[in-house]
N, C-alpha and C. Protein backbone atom coordinates (compact mmCIF):
# COMPACT_ATOMS: atom_id res chain seq x y z
N MET A 1 -10.07 -35.51 5.46
CA MET A 1 -10.39 -34.10 5.33
C MET A 1 -9.11 -33.32 5.03
N SER A 2 -9.17 -32.35 4.13
CA SER A 2 -7.99 -31.59 3.75
C SER A 2 -7.69 -30.50 4.77
N GLU A 3 -6.47 -29.99 4.69
CA GLU A 3 -6.04 -28.92 5.58
C GLU A 3 -6.76 -27.62 5.22
N PRO A 4 -7.05 -26.77 6.22
CA PRO A 4 -7.66 -25.48 5.91
C PRO A 4 -6.69 -24.61 5.10
N THR A 5 -7.24 -23.71 4.33
CA THR A 5 -6.46 -22.76 3.56
C THR A 5 -6.62 -21.39 4.20
N THR A 6 -5.51 -20.67 4.34
CA THR A 6 -5.57 -19.31 4.87
C THR A 6 -5.94 -18.37 3.74
N TYR A 7 -6.98 -17.56 3.97
CA TYR A 7 -7.45 -16.60 2.98
C TYR A 7 -7.29 -15.19 3.49
N GLU A 8 -7.12 -14.27 2.54
CA GLU A 8 -7.17 -12.84 2.82
C GLU A 8 -8.41 -12.31 2.12
N ILE A 9 -9.29 -11.69 2.90
CA ILE A 9 -10.52 -11.11 2.36
C ILE A 9 -10.44 -9.61 2.62
N VAL A 10 -10.50 -8.81 1.56
CA VAL A 10 -10.40 -7.36 1.69
C VAL A 10 -11.79 -6.76 1.50
N LEU A 11 -12.16 -5.90 2.44
CA LEU A 11 -13.48 -5.26 2.46
C LEU A 11 -13.35 -3.77 2.20
N ARG A 12 -14.31 -3.20 1.51
CA ARG A 12 -14.30 -1.75 1.27
C ARG A 12 -14.64 -1.01 2.57
N GLY A 13 -13.86 0.00 2.88
CA GLY A 13 -14.12 0.84 4.04
C GLY A 13 -13.74 0.18 5.34
N ARG A 14 -14.35 0.66 6.42
CA ARG A 14 -14.09 0.14 7.76
C ARG A 14 -15.41 -0.28 8.40
N PRO A 15 -15.83 -1.52 8.19
CA PRO A 15 -17.08 -2.00 8.80
C PRO A 15 -17.00 -1.90 10.33
N SER A 16 -18.14 -1.69 10.95
CA SER A 16 -18.18 -1.54 12.41
C SER A 16 -17.81 -2.85 13.12
N ALA A 17 -17.43 -2.71 14.37
CA ALA A 17 -17.09 -3.87 15.20
C ALA A 17 -18.27 -4.83 15.29
N ARG A 18 -19.47 -4.30 15.33
CA ARG A 18 -20.67 -5.13 15.42
C ARG A 18 -20.82 -6.04 14.20
N LEU A 19 -20.55 -5.51 13.02
CA LEU A 19 -20.67 -6.30 11.80
C LEU A 19 -19.59 -7.37 11.70
N LEU A 20 -18.42 -7.11 12.27
CA LEU A 20 -17.30 -8.05 12.19
C LEU A 20 -17.21 -8.98 13.39
N ARG A 21 -18.06 -8.81 14.37
CA ARG A 21 -18.01 -9.63 15.60
C ARG A 21 -17.94 -11.13 15.34
N PRO A 22 -18.68 -11.68 14.37
CA PRO A 22 -18.62 -13.14 14.14
C PRO A 22 -17.23 -13.63 13.71
N PHE A 23 -16.34 -12.74 13.30
CA PHE A 23 -15.04 -13.13 12.79
C PHE A 23 -13.90 -12.94 13.78
N ILE A 24 -14.16 -12.36 14.93
CA ILE A 24 -13.10 -12.01 15.88
C ILE A 24 -12.25 -13.21 16.29
N ASP A 25 -12.86 -14.35 16.55
CA ASP A 25 -12.10 -15.51 17.02
C ASP A 25 -11.33 -16.22 15.91
N ASP A 26 -11.79 -16.13 14.67
CA ASP A 26 -11.20 -16.92 13.59
C ASP A 26 -10.33 -16.14 12.62
N PHE A 27 -10.39 -14.83 12.66
CA PHE A 27 -9.66 -14.01 11.70
C PHE A 27 -8.87 -12.91 12.39
N THR A 28 -7.74 -12.55 11.78
CA THR A 28 -7.03 -11.34 12.15
C THR A 28 -7.70 -10.22 11.37
N ILE A 29 -8.09 -9.16 12.04
CA ILE A 29 -8.82 -8.07 11.40
C ILE A 29 -7.98 -6.81 11.56
N ASP A 30 -7.67 -6.15 10.43
CA ASP A 30 -6.93 -4.90 10.52
C ASP A 30 -7.28 -3.97 9.37
N THR A 31 -6.92 -2.71 9.55
CA THR A 31 -7.09 -1.72 8.51
C THR A 31 -5.91 -1.86 7.58
N CYS A 32 -6.18 -1.86 6.29
CA CYS A 32 -5.14 -2.12 5.30
C CYS A 32 -4.16 -0.97 5.18
N THR A 33 -2.96 -1.34 4.81
CA THR A 33 -1.95 -0.38 4.40
C THR A 33 -2.18 -0.07 2.94
N ASP A 34 -1.28 0.63 2.33
CA ASP A 34 -1.44 1.01 0.93
C ASP A 34 -1.52 -0.19 -0.01
N THR A 35 -1.07 -1.36 0.41
CA THR A 35 -1.07 -2.52 -0.48
C THR A 35 -2.46 -3.04 -0.80
N CYS A 36 -3.43 -2.83 0.07
CA CYS A 36 -4.78 -3.32 -0.24
C CYS A 36 -5.82 -2.22 -0.06
N ARG A 37 -5.38 -1.00 0.05
CA ARG A 37 -6.27 0.14 0.26
C ARG A 37 -7.19 0.34 -0.93
N ASP A 38 -8.41 0.71 -0.65
CA ASP A 38 -9.40 0.97 -1.69
C ASP A 38 -9.30 2.43 -2.09
N ASP A 39 -8.92 2.71 -3.33
CA ASP A 39 -8.73 4.09 -3.78
C ASP A 39 -10.02 4.90 -3.80
N ALA A 40 -11.17 4.24 -3.98
CA ALA A 40 -12.44 4.97 -4.06
C ALA A 40 -12.80 5.61 -2.72
N THR A 41 -12.60 4.91 -1.61
CA THR A 41 -12.98 5.45 -0.30
C THR A 41 -11.77 5.82 0.55
N GLY A 42 -10.59 5.38 0.15
CA GLY A 42 -9.40 5.67 0.93
C GLY A 42 -9.20 4.75 2.11
N ALA A 43 -10.04 3.75 2.27
CA ALA A 43 -9.90 2.84 3.40
C ALA A 43 -10.35 1.44 3.00
N ALA A 44 -9.74 0.47 3.64
CA ALA A 44 -10.15 -0.92 3.45
C ALA A 44 -9.82 -1.69 4.72
N THR A 45 -10.51 -2.80 4.90
CA THR A 45 -10.29 -3.67 6.06
C THR A 45 -9.90 -5.04 5.54
N ARG A 46 -8.94 -5.65 6.21
CA ARG A 46 -8.44 -6.95 5.77
C ARG A 46 -8.74 -8.00 6.83
N LEU A 47 -9.32 -9.12 6.41
CA LEU A 47 -9.53 -10.27 7.27
C LEU A 47 -8.59 -11.36 6.78
N VAL A 48 -7.81 -11.96 7.69
CA VAL A 48 -6.94 -13.07 7.33
C VAL A 48 -7.24 -14.21 8.29
N GLY A 49 -7.60 -15.37 7.73
CA GLY A 49 -7.91 -16.50 8.59
C GLY A 49 -8.06 -17.78 7.80
N ASP A 50 -8.16 -18.87 8.53
CA ASP A 50 -8.28 -20.19 7.92
C ASP A 50 -9.72 -20.49 7.52
N ILE A 51 -9.86 -20.98 6.29
CA ILE A 51 -11.15 -21.42 5.76
C ILE A 51 -11.05 -22.92 5.57
N CYS A 52 -11.96 -23.67 6.18
CA CYS A 52 -11.89 -25.13 6.18
C CYS A 52 -12.25 -25.77 4.85
N ASP A 53 -13.27 -25.23 4.19
CA ASP A 53 -13.75 -25.83 2.95
C ASP A 53 -14.62 -24.81 2.21
N PRO A 54 -15.07 -25.12 1.01
CA PRO A 54 -15.89 -24.17 0.24
C PRO A 54 -17.17 -23.73 0.97
N ALA A 55 -17.77 -24.63 1.73
CA ALA A 55 -18.99 -24.26 2.46
C ALA A 55 -18.70 -23.19 3.52
N HIS A 56 -17.56 -23.31 4.17
CA HIS A 56 -17.16 -22.32 5.17
C HIS A 56 -16.94 -20.95 4.50
N LEU A 57 -16.24 -20.94 3.37
CA LEU A 57 -16.02 -19.69 2.63
C LEU A 57 -17.36 -19.09 2.20
N ASN A 58 -18.27 -19.92 1.74
CA ASN A 58 -19.59 -19.44 1.34
C ASN A 58 -20.32 -18.82 2.52
N GLY A 59 -20.21 -19.42 3.70
CA GLY A 59 -20.86 -18.88 4.89
C GLY A 59 -20.30 -17.53 5.29
N VAL A 60 -18.98 -17.39 5.21
CA VAL A 60 -18.34 -16.10 5.53
C VAL A 60 -18.83 -15.03 4.56
N LEU A 61 -18.83 -15.35 3.27
CA LEU A 61 -19.29 -14.38 2.27
C LEU A 61 -20.77 -14.08 2.39
N ALA A 62 -21.56 -15.08 2.74
CA ALA A 62 -23.00 -14.86 2.94
C ALA A 62 -23.25 -13.88 4.07
N HIS A 63 -22.50 -14.02 5.16
CA HIS A 63 -22.66 -13.08 6.28
C HIS A 63 -22.29 -11.67 5.84
N LEU A 64 -21.14 -11.53 5.19
CA LEU A 64 -20.68 -10.20 4.78
C LEU A 64 -21.67 -9.53 3.84
N THR A 65 -22.18 -10.27 2.86
CA THR A 65 -23.14 -9.66 1.94
C THR A 65 -24.49 -9.40 2.60
N SER A 66 -24.86 -10.21 3.58
CA SER A 66 -26.15 -10.00 4.26
C SER A 66 -26.16 -8.71 5.08
N VAL A 67 -25.00 -8.23 5.49
CA VAL A 67 -24.92 -6.97 6.24
C VAL A 67 -24.38 -5.84 5.37
N ASN A 68 -24.45 -6.04 4.04
CA ASN A 68 -24.09 -5.03 3.04
C ASN A 68 -22.64 -4.56 3.12
N VAL A 69 -21.72 -5.47 3.42
CA VAL A 69 -20.30 -5.16 3.38
C VAL A 69 -19.81 -5.54 1.99
N GLU A 70 -19.14 -4.61 1.33
CA GLU A 70 -18.66 -4.87 -0.02
C GLU A 70 -17.29 -5.55 0.02
N VAL A 71 -17.20 -6.71 -0.60
CA VAL A 71 -15.95 -7.47 -0.66
C VAL A 71 -15.18 -7.00 -1.89
N ILE A 72 -13.94 -6.54 -1.67
CA ILE A 72 -13.10 -6.09 -2.78
C ILE A 72 -12.34 -7.27 -3.39
N SER A 73 -11.78 -8.13 -2.53
CA SER A 73 -11.03 -9.27 -3.06
C SER A 73 -11.02 -10.42 -2.06
N ILE A 74 -10.85 -11.62 -2.61
CA ILE A 74 -10.70 -12.84 -1.82
C ILE A 74 -9.57 -13.62 -2.48
N ALA A 75 -8.57 -13.99 -1.69
CA ALA A 75 -7.45 -14.74 -2.28
C ALA A 75 -6.78 -15.58 -1.21
N PRO A 76 -6.22 -16.72 -1.61
CA PRO A 76 -5.42 -17.49 -0.65
C PRO A 76 -4.26 -16.61 -0.18
N HIS A 77 -3.97 -16.69 1.10
CA HIS A 77 -2.89 -15.90 1.69
C HIS A 77 -1.66 -16.80 1.75
N HIS A 78 -0.64 -16.46 0.99
CA HIS A 78 0.54 -17.31 0.86
C HIS A 78 1.55 -17.03 1.96
N SER A 79 1.19 -17.40 3.16
CA SER A 79 2.07 -17.27 4.31
C SER A 79 2.04 -18.59 5.06
N SER A 80 3.13 -18.94 5.69
CA SER A 80 3.18 -20.22 6.40
C SER A 80 2.41 -20.17 7.72
N HIS A 81 2.00 -18.98 8.12
CA HIS A 81 1.21 -18.82 9.35
C HIS A 81 0.31 -17.62 9.18
N ARG A 82 -0.66 -17.49 10.08
CA ARG A 82 -1.56 -16.34 10.03
C ARG A 82 -0.78 -15.08 10.30
N ASP A 83 -1.19 -13.99 9.69
CA ASP A 83 -0.53 -12.70 9.82
C ASP A 83 -0.93 -12.07 11.14
N HIS A 84 -0.02 -12.13 12.12
CA HIS A 84 -0.26 -11.51 13.42
C HIS A 84 0.60 -10.27 13.52
N SER A 85 0.25 -9.27 12.74
CA SER A 85 1.03 -8.05 12.71
C SER A 85 0.69 -7.18 13.91
N ALA A 86 1.28 -6.02 13.95
CA ALA A 86 1.07 -5.10 15.07
C ALA A 86 -0.38 -4.66 15.19
N THR A 87 -1.15 -4.85 14.13
CA THR A 87 -2.55 -4.44 14.17
C THR A 87 -3.47 -5.61 14.50
N ASP A 88 -2.96 -6.63 15.15
CA ASP A 88 -3.75 -7.81 15.53
C ASP A 88 -4.59 -7.45 16.76
N ARG A 89 -5.68 -6.71 16.49
CA ARG A 89 -6.54 -6.24 17.55
C ARG A 89 -7.98 -6.51 17.18
N SER A 90 -8.83 -6.42 18.16
CA SER A 90 -10.25 -6.59 17.87
C SER A 90 -10.76 -5.36 17.14
N PRO A 91 -11.86 -5.45 16.41
CA PRO A 91 -12.39 -4.31 15.67
C PRO A 91 -12.72 -3.12 16.56
N THR A 92 -13.11 -3.36 17.80
CA THR A 92 -13.43 -2.24 18.68
C THR A 92 -12.17 -1.47 19.05
N GLU A 93 -11.06 -2.18 19.24
CA GLU A 93 -9.80 -1.50 19.52
C GLU A 93 -9.33 -0.75 18.30
N SER A 94 -9.48 -1.33 17.11
CA SER A 94 -9.06 -0.68 15.88
C SER A 94 -9.88 0.57 15.62
N ALA A 95 -11.18 0.51 15.93
CA ALA A 95 -12.06 1.64 15.69
C ALA A 95 -11.75 2.81 16.61
N SER A 96 -11.22 2.53 17.78
CA SER A 96 -10.96 3.60 18.74
C SER A 96 -9.60 4.23 18.53
N SER A 97 -8.74 3.65 17.68
CA SER A 97 -7.43 4.24 17.48
C SER A 97 -7.37 5.17 16.31
């Protein structure tokens, strides 16, 4: 079995904590800075985490589209480790700040 690949998935706006709950354990979830911000709404959310295989990526995208979250971009994240920046918080903490 191959090594997981770390992906960055950028979502339009700020989905609620309830919609992102399935990703809390496997992804770092934060509000984007200007580098991935969506100009149409002025906000974007970034998920960074390991994806094991194409089926896993498909499952993540299936969940996001099933709850009407718009995916702006999906790309391999070229970092030697997961991005644990200062915004490494759960969606409920991010929503309250």
